[in-house]
Amino acid sequence: MSENKREFDRWVAAISRGGLGHVYVRLYQDAPTWVRDMAVNRYGKGTVFLPAQRSCARASVAA
């Protein structure tokens, strides 16, 4: 697994696929903006962001 994929996965709380080609993504509250951009690039225009999950202590320590 590439380093970028591992870093992206660290900031994602949940991903689920919905109807009509939408992908629902929930990021951690303290996720950097590049993670949101990468999600749109990866899943396309049908990406829907759900309200943020609490802070990710594990990711905050690693950052």
Protein backbone atom coordinates (compact mmCIF):
# COMPACT_ATOMS: atom_id res chain seq x y z
CA MET A 1 0.00 0.00 0.00
CA SER A 2 1.39 3.40 -0.92
CA GLU A 3 2.28 5.98 1.69
CA ASN A 4 -0.32 8.43 0.29
CA LYS A 5 -3.11 5.84 0.63
CA ARG A 6 -2.13 5.07 4.23
CA GLU A 7 -2.03 8.77 5.08
CA PHE A 8 -5.44 9.34 3.42
CA ASP A 9 -6.98 6.36 5.25
CA ARG A 10 -5.72 7.70 8.57
CA TRP A 11 -7.95 10.78 8.23
CA VAL A 12 -11.13 9.00 7.03
CA ALA A 13 -13.60 7.95 9.74
CA ALA A 14 -16.03 6.16 7.37
CA ILE A 15 -16.85 5.65 3.69
CA SER A 16 -20.07 4.18 2.35
CA ARG A 17 -21.53 3.89 -1.10
CA GLY A 18 -25.08 5.07 -1.59
CA GLY A 19 -27.53 4.98 -4.43
CA LEU A 20 -27.20 6.93 -7.66
CA GLY A 21 -23.41 6.76 -7.60
CA HIS A 22 -22.90 8.82 -4.46
CA VAL A 23 -20.08 8.08 -2.04
CA TYR A 24 -20.54 9.29 1.54
CA VAL A 25 -17.32 10.24 3.29
CA ARG A 26 -16.93 11.16 6.94
CA LEU A 27 -13.57 12.68 7.81
CA TYR A 28 -12.14 13.36 11.23
CA GLN A 29 -12.63 16.91 12.45
CA ASP A 30 -8.95 17.81 12.30
CA ALA A 31 -8.30 16.36 8.82
CA PRO A 32 -6.19 18.62 6.57
CA THR A 33 -7.81 20.16 3.48
CA TRP A 34 -5.78 17.98 1.07
CA VAL A 35 -7.69 14.93 2.36
CA ARG A 36 -11.01 16.44 1.22
CA ASP A 37 -9.50 17.25 -2.18
CA MET A 38 -8.10 13.74 -2.51
CA ALA A 39 -11.52 12.22 -1.69
CA VAL A 40 -13.17 14.23 -4.47
CA ASN A 41 -10.40 13.24 -6.91
CA ARG A 42 -10.73 9.58 -5.93
CA TYR A 43 -14.54 9.24 -5.80
CA GLY A 44 -15.66 11.93 -8.24
CA LYS A 45 -18.37 14.58 -8.25
CA GLY A 46 -20.77 12.27 -6.42
CA THR A 47 -18.78 12.63 -3.20
CA VAL A 48 -20.91 13.77 -0.27
CA PHE A 49 -19.22 14.83 2.97
CA LEU A 50 -21.02 13.95 6.18
CA PRO A 51 -20.53 16.00 9.37
CA ALA A 52 -17.07 15.50 10.81
CA GLN A 53 -16.31 12.83 13.37
CA ARG A 54 -14.58 13.84 16.59
CA SER A 55 -10.87 14.57 16.40
CA CYS A 56 -8.61 11.69 15.55
CA ALA A 57 -6.09 11.48 18.39
CA ARG A 58 -4.12 8.84 16.50
CA ALA A 59 -3.78 11.09 13.42
CA SER A 60 -3.03 14.20 15.49
CA VAL A 61 -0.07 12.50 17.12
CA ALA A 62 1.27 11.29 13.77
CA ALA A 63 0.95 14.69 12.07
